[in-house]
């Protein structure tokens, strides 16, 4: 049995051996039994052959569509190259082993110098200082909010006092001319204020 390599639209294909003839040949070989054919069987064979050719063409179109879809899938995901995958994995494993060895060396160096406990203490001190600073920030933010509220209250009171001063100045300006003339009636001042 000899395999043929056929160039397809997407590359070389060892499996397809002149697709149309091989499929028809295998279909015909499967259909042949060694009994003599009657005229009715010849008619059935003719009809079946046309139907088989029609189905074969349809299957060929579907196969080509699947090949195009597979090629498109290969373009988007990239071909699965087992050798490249294996090389990448070996490289990553080598890097991992190197990193693990470096970690072990650093841990050993720290243990030999006796700085391991000192480092842990420094880390704990830094964490404590960070926590204190966070608490101080929260306290200062609350103080800032309280002071902003007080400033706003003071501004509101100031605005109210300015309005009252203005009101008193207007009232005084109305009352002064009336007091100088001396003929003003007490009800007339109020009438002028409201108008």
N, C-alpha and C. Protein backbone atom coordinates (compact mmCIF):
# COMPACT_ATOMS: atom_id res chain seq x y z
N UNK A 1 0.86 -1.18 0.00
CA UNK A 1 0.00 0.00 0.00
C UNK A 1 0.89 1.23 0.00
N UNK A 2 0.69 2.10 -0.97
CA UNK A 2 1.53 3.29 -1.10
C UNK A 2 0.69 4.53 -0.83
N UNK A 3 1.19 5.43 0.02
CA UNK A 3 0.48 6.68 0.31
C UNK A 3 0.94 7.74 -0.67
N UNK A 4 -0.05 8.50 -1.13
CA UNK A 4 0.25 9.61 -2.03
C UNK A 4 0.12 10.91 -1.26
N UNK A 5 0.98 11.85 -1.59
CA UNK A 5 0.89 13.17 -0.98
C UNK A 5 0.30 14.10 -2.01
N UNK A 6 -0.77 14.78 -1.63
CA UNK A 6 -1.47 15.68 -2.55
C UNK A 6 -1.39 17.08 -1.98
N UNK A 7 -1.08 18.04 -2.86
CA UNK A 7 -1.03 19.43 -2.41
C UNK A 7 -2.45 19.98 -2.44
N UNK A 8 -2.90 20.48 -1.29
CA UNK A 8 -4.24 21.09 -1.20
C UNK A 8 -4.07 22.59 -1.07
N UNK A 9 -5.18 23.28 -0.95
CA UNK A 9 -5.17 24.74 -0.81
C UNK A 9 -4.43 25.16 0.46
N UNK A 10 -4.49 24.30 1.50
CA UNK A 10 -3.92 24.66 2.79
C UNK A 10 -2.59 23.97 3.06
N UNK A 11 -2.06 23.24 2.13
CA UNK A 11 -0.79 22.56 2.36
C UNK A 11 -0.83 21.18 1.74
N UNK A 12 0.01 20.28 2.26
CA UNK A 12 0.08 18.93 1.74
C UNK A 12 -0.76 18.00 2.60
N UNK A 13 -1.41 17.03 1.93
CA UNK A 13 -2.30 16.11 2.63
C UNK A 13 -1.95 14.71 2.19
N UNK A 14 -1.50 13.88 3.15
CA UNK A 14 -1.13 12.50 2.82
C UNK A 14 -2.35 11.61 2.67
N UNK A 15 -3.42 11.97 3.32
CA UNK A 15 -4.59 11.10 3.39
C UNK A 15 -5.38 11.10 2.09
N UNK A 16 -5.49 12.25 1.43
CA UNK A 16 -6.36 12.31 0.25
C UNK A 16 -5.59 11.83 -0.96
N UNK A 17 -6.06 10.76 -1.52
CA UNK A 17 -5.46 10.21 -2.73
C UNK A 17 -6.47 10.43 -3.83
N UNK A 18 -6.28 11.46 -4.59
CA UNK A 18 -7.19 11.80 -5.67
C UNK A 18 -8.62 11.53 -5.22
N UNK A 19 -9.10 12.33 -4.35
CA UNK A 19 -10.32 12.14 -3.57
C UNK A 19 -11.49 11.59 -4.35
N UNK A 20 -11.82 12.20 -5.46
CA UNK A 20 -13.05 11.81 -6.16
C UNK A 20 -12.97 10.38 -6.66
N UNK A 21 -11.88 10.00 -7.32
CA UNK A 21 -11.80 8.65 -7.89
C UNK A 21 -11.70 7.60 -6.81
N UNK A 22 -10.92 7.87 -5.75
CA UNK A 22 -10.76 6.84 -4.71
C UNK A 22 -12.07 6.61 -3.98
N UNK A 23 -12.82 7.67 -3.70
CA UNK A 23 -14.09 7.49 -2.98
C UNK A 23 -15.10 6.77 -3.84
N UNK A 24 -15.18 7.15 -5.10
CA UNK A 24 -16.12 6.46 -5.99
C UNK A 24 -15.72 5.01 -6.16
N UNK A 25 -14.42 4.76 -6.29
CA UNK A 25 -13.95 3.40 -6.46
C UNK A 25 -14.29 2.57 -5.23
N UNK A 26 -14.03 3.14 -4.04
CA UNK A 26 -14.32 2.37 -2.83
C UNK A 26 -15.82 2.16 -2.68
N UNK A 27 -16.64 3.15 -3.08
CA UNK A 27 -18.09 3.00 -3.01
C UNK A 27 -18.53 1.88 -3.94
N UNK A 28 -17.99 1.92 -5.17
CA UNK A 28 -18.37 0.89 -6.14
C UNK A 28 -17.90 -0.48 -5.70
N UNK A 29 -16.74 -0.58 -5.10
CA UNK A 29 -16.22 -1.87 -4.67
C UNK A 29 -17.08 -2.42 -3.54
N UNK A 30 -17.53 -1.53 -2.67
CA UNK A 30 -18.38 -1.99 -1.57
C UNK A 30 -19.73 -2.47 -2.08
N UNK A 31 -20.23 -1.83 -3.13
CA UNK A 31 -21.56 -2.15 -3.64
C UNK A 31 -21.57 -3.42 -4.49
N UNK A 32 -20.44 -3.82 -5.00
CA UNK A 32 -20.43 -4.98 -5.91
C UNK A 32 -20.48 -6.27 -5.12
N UNK A 33 -21.47 -7.01 -5.45
CA UNK A 33 -21.46 -8.39 -4.99
C UNK A 33 -21.33 -9.24 -6.24
N UNK A 34 -21.04 -10.45 -6.12
CA UNK A 34 -20.67 -11.25 -7.27
C UNK A 34 -21.86 -11.94 -7.92
N UNK A 35 -23.05 -11.40 -7.79
CA UNK A 35 -24.22 -11.97 -8.45
C UNK A 35 -24.47 -11.21 -9.73
N UNK A 36 -25.00 -11.85 -10.73
CA UNK A 36 -25.27 -11.16 -11.99
C UNK A 36 -26.37 -10.13 -11.80
N UNK A 37 -26.27 -9.03 -12.52
CA UNK A 37 -27.21 -7.92 -12.38
C UNK A 37 -28.38 -8.10 -13.32
N UNK A 38 -29.59 -7.84 -12.82
CA UNK A 38 -30.79 -7.85 -13.65
C UNK A 38 -30.99 -6.45 -14.18
N UNK A 39 -31.85 -6.24 -15.19
CA UNK A 39 -32.08 -4.88 -15.71
C UNK A 39 -32.59 -3.94 -14.63
N UNK A 40 -33.41 -4.43 -13.69
CA UNK A 40 -33.89 -3.55 -12.62
C UNK A 40 -32.73 -3.11 -11.73
N UNK A 41 -31.81 -4.05 -11.44
CA UNK A 41 -30.65 -3.71 -10.61
C UNK A 41 -29.75 -2.74 -11.34
N UNK A 42 -29.62 -2.87 -12.68
CA UNK A 42 -28.81 -1.91 -13.45
C UNK A 42 -29.40 -0.51 -13.32
N UNK A 43 -30.75 -0.41 -13.38
CA UNK A 43 -31.41 0.88 -13.24
C UNK A 43 -31.16 1.45 -11.84
N UNK A 44 -31.27 0.56 -10.82
CA UNK A 44 -31.01 1.01 -9.46
C UNK A 44 -29.57 1.46 -9.31
N UNK A 45 -28.63 0.71 -9.94
CA UNK A 45 -27.21 1.09 -9.87
C UNK A 45 -26.99 2.45 -10.53
N UNK A 46 -27.67 2.71 -11.65
CA UNK A 46 -27.54 4.00 -12.32
C UNK A 46 -28.06 5.13 -11.45
N UNK A 47 -29.20 4.91 -10.84
CA UNK A 47 -29.78 5.92 -9.96
C UNK A 47 -28.90 6.09 -8.73
N UNK A 48 -28.44 4.98 -8.18
CA UNK A 48 -27.60 5.04 -6.99
C UNK A 48 -26.27 5.70 -7.31
N UNK A 49 -25.75 5.46 -8.49
CA UNK A 49 -24.47 6.06 -8.87
C UNK A 49 -24.62 7.57 -8.97
N UNK A 50 -25.74 8.04 -9.60
CA UNK A 50 -25.97 9.49 -9.70
C UNK A 50 -26.14 10.09 -8.30
N UNK A 51 -26.91 9.38 -7.48
CA UNK A 51 -27.12 9.86 -6.11
C UNK A 51 -25.80 9.86 -5.34
N UNK A 52 -24.99 8.83 -5.54
CA UNK A 52 -23.70 8.75 -4.86
C UNK A 52 -22.78 9.88 -5.31
N UNK A 53 -22.78 10.17 -6.62
CA UNK A 53 -21.95 11.27 -7.11
C UNK A 53 -22.40 12.61 -6.52
N UNK A 54 -23.73 12.78 -6.45
CA UNK A 54 -24.27 14.02 -5.87
C UNK A 54 -23.86 14.14 -4.40
N UNK A 55 -24.01 13.05 -3.67
CA UNK A 55 -23.62 13.06 -2.25
C UNK A 55 -22.11 13.26 -2.09
N UNK A 56 -21.35 12.64 -3.00
CA UNK A 56 -19.90 12.78 -2.92
C UNK A 56 -19.49 14.24 -3.14
N UNK A 57 -20.11 14.90 -4.12
CA UNK A 57 -19.79 16.32 -4.36
C UNK A 57 -20.14 17.16 -3.14
N UNK A 58 -21.30 16.85 -2.54
CA UNK A 58 -21.71 17.59 -1.34
C UNK A 58 -20.71 17.37 -0.21
N UNK A 59 -20.30 16.13 -0.01
CA UNK A 59 -19.32 15.83 1.03
C UNK A 59 -17.98 16.50 0.74
N UNK A 60 -17.60 16.55 -0.53
CA UNK A 60 -16.35 17.21 -0.91
C UNK A 60 -16.41 18.69 -0.55
N UNK A 61 -17.55 19.34 -0.86
CA UNK A 61 -17.70 20.76 -0.51
C UNK A 61 -17.63 20.96 1.00
N UNK A 62 -18.30 20.08 1.75
CA UNK A 62 -18.25 20.18 3.21
C UNK A 62 -16.83 19.98 3.74
N UNK A 63 -16.12 19.02 3.13
CA UNK A 63 -14.74 18.76 3.54
C UNK A 63 -13.86 19.99 3.28
N UNK A 64 -14.04 20.61 2.13
CA UNK A 64 -13.25 21.81 1.81
C UNK A 64 -13.60 22.95 2.76
N UNK A 65 -14.88 23.08 3.11
CA UNK A 65 -15.28 24.12 4.06
C UNK A 65 -14.64 23.86 5.43
N UNK A 66 -14.61 22.58 5.82
CA UNK A 66 -13.96 22.24 7.08
C UNK A 66 -12.46 22.53 7.04
N UNK A 67 -11.83 22.26 5.89
CA UNK A 67 -10.40 22.57 5.76
C UNK A 67 -10.15 24.07 5.90
N UNK A 68 -11.02 24.88 5.26
CA UNK A 68 -10.87 26.34 5.37
C UNK A 68 -11.05 26.79 6.82
N UNK A 69 -12.06 26.23 7.49
CA UNK A 69 -12.30 26.59 8.89
C UNK A 69 -11.12 26.18 9.77
N UNK A 70 -10.56 25.01 9.49
CA UNK A 70 -9.41 24.54 10.27
C UNK A 70 -8.21 25.45 10.04
N UNK A 71 -8.00 25.85 8.79
CA UNK A 71 -6.88 26.75 8.49
C UNK A 71 -7.07 28.09 9.19
N UNK A 72 -8.30 28.60 9.18
CA UNK A 72 -8.59 29.86 9.87
C UNK A 72 -8.34 29.71 11.37
N UNK A 73 -8.75 28.59 11.92
CA UNK A 73 -8.52 28.32 13.34
C UNK A 73 -7.02 28.26 13.64
N UNK A 74 -6.25 27.65 12.76
CA UNK A 74 -4.80 27.58 12.93
C UNK A 74 -4.18 28.97 12.90
N UNK A 75 -4.72 29.86 12.04
CA UNK A 75 -4.19 31.23 11.95
C UNK A 75 -4.44 31.98 13.25
N UNK A 76 -5.63 31.83 13.82
CA UNK A 76 -5.97 32.61 15.02
C UNK A 76 -5.32 32.05 16.27
N UNK A 77 -5.26 30.74 16.41
CA UNK A 77 -4.69 30.17 17.63
C UNK A 77 -3.22 29.82 17.47
N UNK A 78 -2.74 29.77 16.26
CA UNK A 78 -1.35 29.38 16.03
C UNK A 78 -1.25 27.87 15.99
N UNK A 79 -0.34 27.38 15.21
CA UNK A 79 -0.21 25.93 15.10
C UNK A 79 0.33 25.35 16.41
N UNK A 80 -0.15 24.17 16.72
CA UNK A 80 0.33 23.49 17.91
C UNK A 80 1.62 22.77 17.54
N UNK A 81 2.73 23.37 17.92
CA UNK A 81 4.03 22.80 17.60
C UNK A 81 4.54 22.08 18.85
N UNK A 82 4.49 20.75 18.86
CA UNK A 82 4.90 20.01 20.06
C UNK A 82 6.37 20.26 20.42
N UNK A 83 7.22 20.41 19.42
CA UNK A 83 8.64 20.64 19.71
C UNK A 83 8.84 21.98 20.40
N UNK A 84 8.19 23.02 19.86
CA UNK A 84 8.32 24.35 20.45
C UNK A 84 7.75 24.35 21.87
N UNK A 85 6.61 23.69 22.05
CA UNK A 85 6.00 23.61 23.38
C UNK A 85 6.95 22.91 24.35
N UNK A 86 7.58 21.84 23.89
CA UNK A 86 8.50 21.08 24.74
C UNK A 86 9.72 21.94 25.09
N UNK A 87 10.28 22.66 24.09
CA UNK A 87 11.44 23.52 24.35
C UNK A 87 11.08 24.62 25.35
N UNK A 88 9.92 25.24 25.17
CA UNK A 88 9.49 26.30 26.08
C UNK A 88 9.33 25.76 27.49
N UNK A 89 8.75 24.58 27.59
CA UNK A 89 8.55 23.98 28.91
C UNK A 89 9.89 23.67 29.57
N UNK A 90 10.83 23.12 28.80
CA UNK A 90 12.16 22.82 29.35
C UNK A 90 12.86 24.10 29.81
N UNK A 91 12.73 25.17 29.00
CA UNK A 91 13.36 26.44 29.35
C UNK A 91 12.76 26.99 30.65
N UNK A 92 11.43 26.94 30.76
CA UNK A 92 10.78 27.43 31.98
C UNK A 92 11.17 26.59 33.20
N UNK A 93 11.29 25.28 33.01
CA UNK A 93 11.70 24.43 34.12
C UNK A 93 13.12 24.75 34.56
N UNK A 94 14.00 25.02 33.58
CA UNK A 94 15.38 25.39 33.90
C UNK A 94 15.41 26.69 34.69
N UNK A 95 14.62 27.69 34.24
CA UNK A 95 14.56 28.97 34.95
C UNK A 95 14.00 28.77 36.36
N UNK A 96 12.99 27.93 36.49
CA UNK A 96 12.40 27.66 37.80
C UNK A 96 13.42 27.04 38.75
N UNK A 97 14.16 26.07 38.26
CA UNK A 97 15.18 25.42 39.09
C UNK A 97 16.24 26.44 39.51
N UNK A 98 16.65 27.31 38.57
CA UNK A 98 17.63 28.35 38.90
C UNK A 98 17.11 29.31 39.97
N UNK A 99 15.86 29.72 39.83
CA UNK A 99 15.26 30.63 40.82
C UNK A 99 15.13 29.97 42.18
N UNK A 100 14.74 28.69 42.19
CA UNK A 100 14.63 27.98 43.46
C UNK A 100 16.00 27.84 44.13
N UNK A 101 17.04 27.61 43.33
CA UNK A 101 18.39 27.52 43.89
C UNK A 101 18.82 28.87 44.47
N UNK A 102 18.51 29.95 43.76
CA UNK A 102 18.86 31.29 44.25
C UNK A 102 18.13 31.60 45.56
N UNK A 103 16.86 31.24 45.65
CA UNK A 103 16.10 31.44 46.88
C UNK A 103 16.75 30.67 48.03
N UNK A 104 17.12 29.42 47.76
CA UNK A 104 17.75 28.60 48.81
C UNK A 104 19.07 29.23 49.25
N UNK A 105 19.87 29.73 48.28
CA UNK A 105 21.14 30.38 48.62
C UNK A 105 20.92 31.62 49.48
N UNK A 106 19.94 32.44 49.11
CA UNK A 106 19.67 33.66 49.87
C UNK A 106 19.19 33.34 51.28
N UNK A 107 18.33 32.32 51.40
CA UNK A 107 17.87 31.92 52.74
C UNK A 107 19.03 31.42 53.59
N UNK A 108 19.92 30.63 52.97
CA UNK A 108 21.08 30.11 53.69
C UNK A 108 21.99 31.26 54.12
N UNK A 109 22.19 32.22 53.21
CA UNK A 109 23.04 33.38 53.52
C UNK A 109 22.46 34.18 54.68
N UNK A 110 21.16 34.38 54.67
CA UNK A 110 20.52 35.11 55.77
C UNK A 110 20.66 34.36 57.09
N UNK A 111 20.50 33.05 57.03
CA UNK A 111 20.59 32.25 58.25
C UNK A 111 22.02 32.27 58.80
N UNK A 112 23.02 32.22 57.91
CA UNK A 112 24.42 32.22 58.34
C UNK A 112 24.80 33.55 58.98
N UNK A 113 24.31 34.63 58.45
CA UNK A 113 24.67 35.95 58.97
C UNK A 113 23.86 36.31 60.20
N UNK A 114 22.86 35.53 60.51
CA UNK A 114 22.05 35.79 61.69
C UNK A 114 21.15 36.99 61.53
N UNK A 115 20.94 37.42 60.31
CA UNK A 115 20.11 38.59 60.06
C UNK A 115 18.66 38.22 59.84
N UNK A 116 18.38 36.96 59.87
CA UNK A 116 17.02 36.51 59.60
C UNK A 116 16.05 37.09 60.62
N UNK A 117 16.40 36.97 61.92
CA UNK A 117 15.49 37.48 62.96
C UNK A 117 15.45 39.00 62.94
N UNK A 118 16.59 39.64 62.64
CA UNK A 118 16.63 41.09 62.58
C UNK A 118 15.73 41.60 61.46
N UNK A 119 15.74 40.91 60.34
CA UNK A 119 14.91 41.30 59.19
C UNK A 119 13.43 41.20 59.54
N UNK A 120 13.08 40.13 60.26
CA UNK A 120 11.68 39.94 60.66
C UNK A 120 11.25 41.05 61.61
N UNK A 121 12.14 41.40 62.54
CA UNK A 121 11.83 42.49 63.47
C UNK A 121 11.65 43.81 62.74
N UNK A 122 12.54 44.09 61.78
CA UNK A 122 12.42 45.33 61.00
C UNK A 122 11.10 45.37 60.24
N UNK A 123 10.74 44.24 59.70
CA UNK A 123 9.48 44.18 58.95
C UNK A 123 8.30 44.45 59.88
N UNK A 124 8.33 43.87 61.07
CA UNK A 124 7.25 44.08 62.03
C UNK A 124 7.18 45.55 62.45
N UNK A 125 8.35 46.17 62.67
CA UNK A 125 8.37 47.59 63.02
C UNK A 125 7.79 48.45 61.90
N UNK A 126 8.15 48.13 60.67
CA UNK A 126 7.62 48.88 59.53
C UNK A 126 6.10 48.73 59.43
N UNK A 127 5.61 47.53 59.65
CA UNK A 127 4.17 47.30 59.60
C UNK A 127 3.46 48.09 60.70
N UNK A 128 4.06 48.12 61.91
CA UNK A 128 3.47 48.86 63.02
C UNK A 128 3.45 50.36 62.71
N UNK A 129 4.57 50.88 62.18
CA UNK A 129 4.64 52.30 61.83
C UNK A 129 3.61 52.63 60.75
N UNK A 130 3.49 51.75 59.76
CA UNK A 130 2.49 51.98 58.70
C UNK A 130 1.08 52.04 59.28
N UNK A 131 0.78 51.14 60.21
CA UNK A 131 -0.55 51.13 60.83
C UNK A 131 -0.78 52.42 61.61
N UNK A 132 0.23 52.86 62.36
CA UNK A 132 0.10 54.11 63.12
C UNK A 132 -0.14 55.29 62.18
N UNK A 133 0.60 55.31 61.07
CA UNK A 133 0.43 56.40 60.11
C UNK A 133 -0.97 56.37 59.49
N UNK A 134 -1.48 55.18 59.19
CA UNK A 134 -2.84 55.08 58.66
C UNK A 134 -3.86 55.64 59.64
N UNK A 135 -3.71 55.26 60.91
CA UNK A 135 -4.63 55.76 61.94
C UNK A 135 -4.53 57.27 62.08
N UNK A 136 -3.30 57.79 61.99
CA UNK A 136 -3.11 59.24 62.09
C UNK A 136 -3.77 59.95 60.91
N UNK A 137 -3.65 59.37 59.73
CA UNK A 137 -4.28 59.96 58.53
C UNK A 137 -5.79 60.00 58.71
N UNK A 138 -6.37 58.90 59.19
CA UNK A 138 -7.82 58.86 59.40
C UNK A 138 -8.24 59.92 60.41
N UNK A 139 -7.46 60.05 61.50
CA UNK A 139 -7.77 61.04 62.52
C UNK A 139 -7.69 62.46 61.95
N UNK A 140 -6.65 62.72 61.16
CA UNK A 140 -6.49 64.05 60.56
C UNK A 140 -7.61 64.35 59.55
N UNK A 141 -8.03 63.33 58.81
CA UNK A 141 -9.14 63.54 57.86
C UNK A 141 -10.42 63.88 58.61
N UNK A 142 -10.67 63.20 59.72
CA UNK A 142 -11.86 63.51 60.52
C UNK A 142 -11.78 64.92 61.09
N UNK A 143 -10.60 65.32 61.57
CA UNK A 143 -10.39 66.67 62.09
C UNK A 143 -10.62 67.70 60.99
N UNK A 144 -10.11 67.40 59.80
CA UNK A 144 -10.30 68.32 58.66
C UNK A 144 -11.78 68.49 58.35
N UNK A 145 -12.54 67.40 58.35
CA UNK A 145 -13.97 67.49 58.07
C UNK A 145 -14.67 68.33 59.14
N UNK A 146 -14.30 68.13 60.41
CA UNK A 146 -14.89 68.90 61.50
C UNK A 146 -14.58 70.38 61.33
N UNK A 147 -13.31 70.70 61.01
CA UNK A 147 -12.92 72.10 60.83
C UNK A 147 -13.62 72.74 59.64
N UNK A 148 -13.77 71.98 58.55
CA UNK A 148 -14.48 72.51 57.38
C UNK A 148 -15.93 72.84 57.75
N UNK A 149 -16.54 71.97 58.55
CA UNK A 149 -17.91 72.21 58.99
C UNK A 149 -17.99 73.46 59.85
N UNK A 150 -17.02 73.62 60.75
CA UNK A 150 -17.00 74.82 61.60
C UNK A 150 -16.81 76.08 60.76
N UNK A 151 -15.92 76.02 59.78
CA UNK A 151 -15.69 77.18 58.91
C UNK A 151 -16.97 77.53 58.16
N UNK A 152 -17.67 76.51 57.66
CA UNK A 152 -18.92 76.77 56.94
C UNK A 152 -19.96 77.40 57.86
N UNK A 153 -20.05 76.89 59.10
CA UNK A 153 -20.99 77.49 60.07
C UNK A 153 -20.63 78.95 60.34
N UNK A 154 -19.34 79.22 60.51
CA UNK A 154 -18.89 80.59 60.76
C UNK A 154 -19.21 81.49 59.58
N UNK A 155 -19.01 80.99 58.36
CA UNK A 155 -19.34 81.78 57.16
C UNK A 155 -20.83 82.08 57.11
N UNK A 156 -21.64 81.09 57.44
CA UNK A 156 -23.09 81.30 57.44
C UNK A 156 -23.48 82.35 58.49
N UNK A 157 -22.90 82.26 59.68
CA UNK A 157 -23.19 83.24 60.73
C UNK A 157 -22.73 84.63 60.32
N UNK A 158 -21.57 84.70 59.68
CA UNK A 158 -21.04 85.98 59.22
C UNK A 158 -21.99 86.62 58.20
N UNK A 159 -22.48 85.80 57.28
CA UNK A 159 -23.42 86.30 56.27
C UNK A 159 -24.70 86.82 56.93
N UNK A 160 -25.19 86.09 57.92
CA UNK A 160 -26.39 86.51 58.64
C UNK A 160 -26.16 87.83 59.39
N UNK A 161 -25.00 87.95 60.03
CA UNK A 161 -24.68 89.19 60.74
C UNK A 161 -24.55 90.37 59.77
N UNK A 162 -23.94 90.14 58.62
CA UNK A 162 -23.84 91.22 57.63
C UNK A 162 -25.22 91.67 57.17
N UNK A 163 -26.11 90.72 57.00
CA UNK A 163 -27.47 91.07 56.59
C UNK A 163 -28.16 91.89 57.68
N UNK A 164 -27.99 91.50 58.94
CA UNK A 164 -28.60 92.24 60.05
C UNK A 164 -28.02 93.66 60.15
N UNK A 165 -26.69 93.77 59.96
CA UNK A 165 -26.06 95.10 60.00
C UNK A 165 -26.64 95.98 58.91
N UNK A 166 -26.77 95.41 57.71
CA UNK A 166 -27.33 96.17 56.59
C UNK A 166 -28.76 96.59 56.90
N UNK A 167 -29.52 95.69 57.48
CA UNK A 167 -30.90 95.99 57.84
C UNK A 167 -30.96 97.13 58.87
N UNK A 168 -30.06 97.07 59.86
CA UNK A 168 -30.02 98.12 60.89
C UNK A 168 -29.60 99.47 60.30
N UNK A 169 -28.66 99.44 59.36
CA UNK A 169 -28.22 100.68 58.72
C UNK A 169 -29.37 101.31 57.94
N UNK A 170 -30.14 100.48 57.26
CA UNK A 170 -31.28 101.00 56.51
C UNK A 170 -32.30 101.60 57.47
N UNK A 171 -32.58 100.90 58.54
CA UNK A 171 -33.55 101.38 59.53
C UNK A 171 -33.06 102.70 60.14
N UNK A 172 -31.76 102.77 60.45
CA UNK A 172 -31.20 103.99 61.03
C UNK A 172 -31.28 105.15 60.06
N UNK A 173 -31.01 104.86 58.79
CA UNK A 173 -31.07 105.94 57.79
C UNK A 173 -32.49 106.45 57.62
N UNK A 174 -33.46 105.60 57.85
CA UNK A 174 -34.86 106.04 57.75
C UNK A 174 -35.26 106.79 59.01
N UNK A 175 -34.84 106.34 60.16
CA UNK A 175 -35.23 106.95 61.43
C UNK A 175 -34.52 108.28 61.69
N UNK A 176 -33.31 108.43 61.29
CA UNK A 176 -32.55 109.65 61.54
C UNK A 176 -33.22 110.90 60.96
N UNK A 177 -33.60 110.91 59.71
CA UNK A 177 -34.23 112.13 59.18
C UNK A 177 -35.54 112.43 59.90
N UNK A 178 -36.26 111.42 60.31
CA UNK A 178 -37.53 111.67 61.00
C UNK A 178 -37.30 112.25 62.38
N UNK A 179 -36.28 111.81 63.06
CA UNK A 179 -35.99 112.32 64.40
C UNK A 179 -35.50 113.77 64.32
N UNK A 180 -34.82 114.09 63.27
CA UNK A 180 -34.33 115.46 63.13
C UNK A 180 -35.48 116.43 62.90
N UNK A 181 -36.46 116.03 62.17
CA UNK A 181 -37.61 116.91 61.94
C UNK A 181 -38.52 116.93 63.14
N UNK A 182 -38.58 115.88 63.90
CA UNK A 182 -39.34 115.82 65.13
C UNK A 182 -40.83 115.66 64.91
N UNK A 183 -41.32 115.72 63.73
CA UNK A 183 -42.75 115.64 63.48
C UNK A 183 -43.17 114.27 63.05
N UNK A 184 -42.33 113.34 63.11
CA UNK A 184 -42.66 112.01 62.61
C UNK A 184 -43.52 111.26 63.60
N UNK A 185 -44.43 110.50 63.08
CA UNK A 185 -45.31 109.68 63.91
C UNK A 185 -44.66 108.31 64.07
N UNK A 186 -44.90 107.65 65.19
CA UNK A 186 -44.29 106.34 65.41
C UNK A 186 -44.71 105.32 64.36
N UNK A 187 -45.88 105.31 63.86
CA UNK A 187 -46.34 104.32 62.88
C UNK A 187 -45.79 104.57 61.50
N UNK A 188 -45.38 105.79 61.20
CA UNK A 188 -44.90 106.10 59.86
C UNK A 188 -43.54 105.47 59.58
N UNK A 189 -42.72 105.26 60.59
CA UNK A 189 -41.41 104.62 60.41
C UNK A 189 -41.58 103.18 59.94
N UNK A 190 -42.47 102.51 60.59
CA UNK A 190 -42.70 101.12 60.22
C UNK A 190 -43.28 101.02 58.83
N UNK A 191 -44.14 101.98 58.50
CA UNK A 191 -44.73 101.97 57.17
C UNK A 191 -43.66 102.16 56.10
N UNK A 192 -42.69 103.02 56.35
CA UNK A 192 -41.61 103.27 55.38
C UNK A 192 -40.68 102.06 55.28
N UNK A 193 -40.49 101.37 56.37
CA UNK A 193 -39.61 100.20 56.34
C UNK A 193 -40.20 99.09 55.48
N UNK A 194 -41.48 98.92 55.52
CA UNK A 194 -42.10 97.82 54.78
C UNK A 194 -42.30 98.15 53.32
N UNK A 195 -42.22 99.40 52.94
CA UNK A 195 -42.44 99.75 51.54
C UNK A 195 -41.19 99.82 50.76
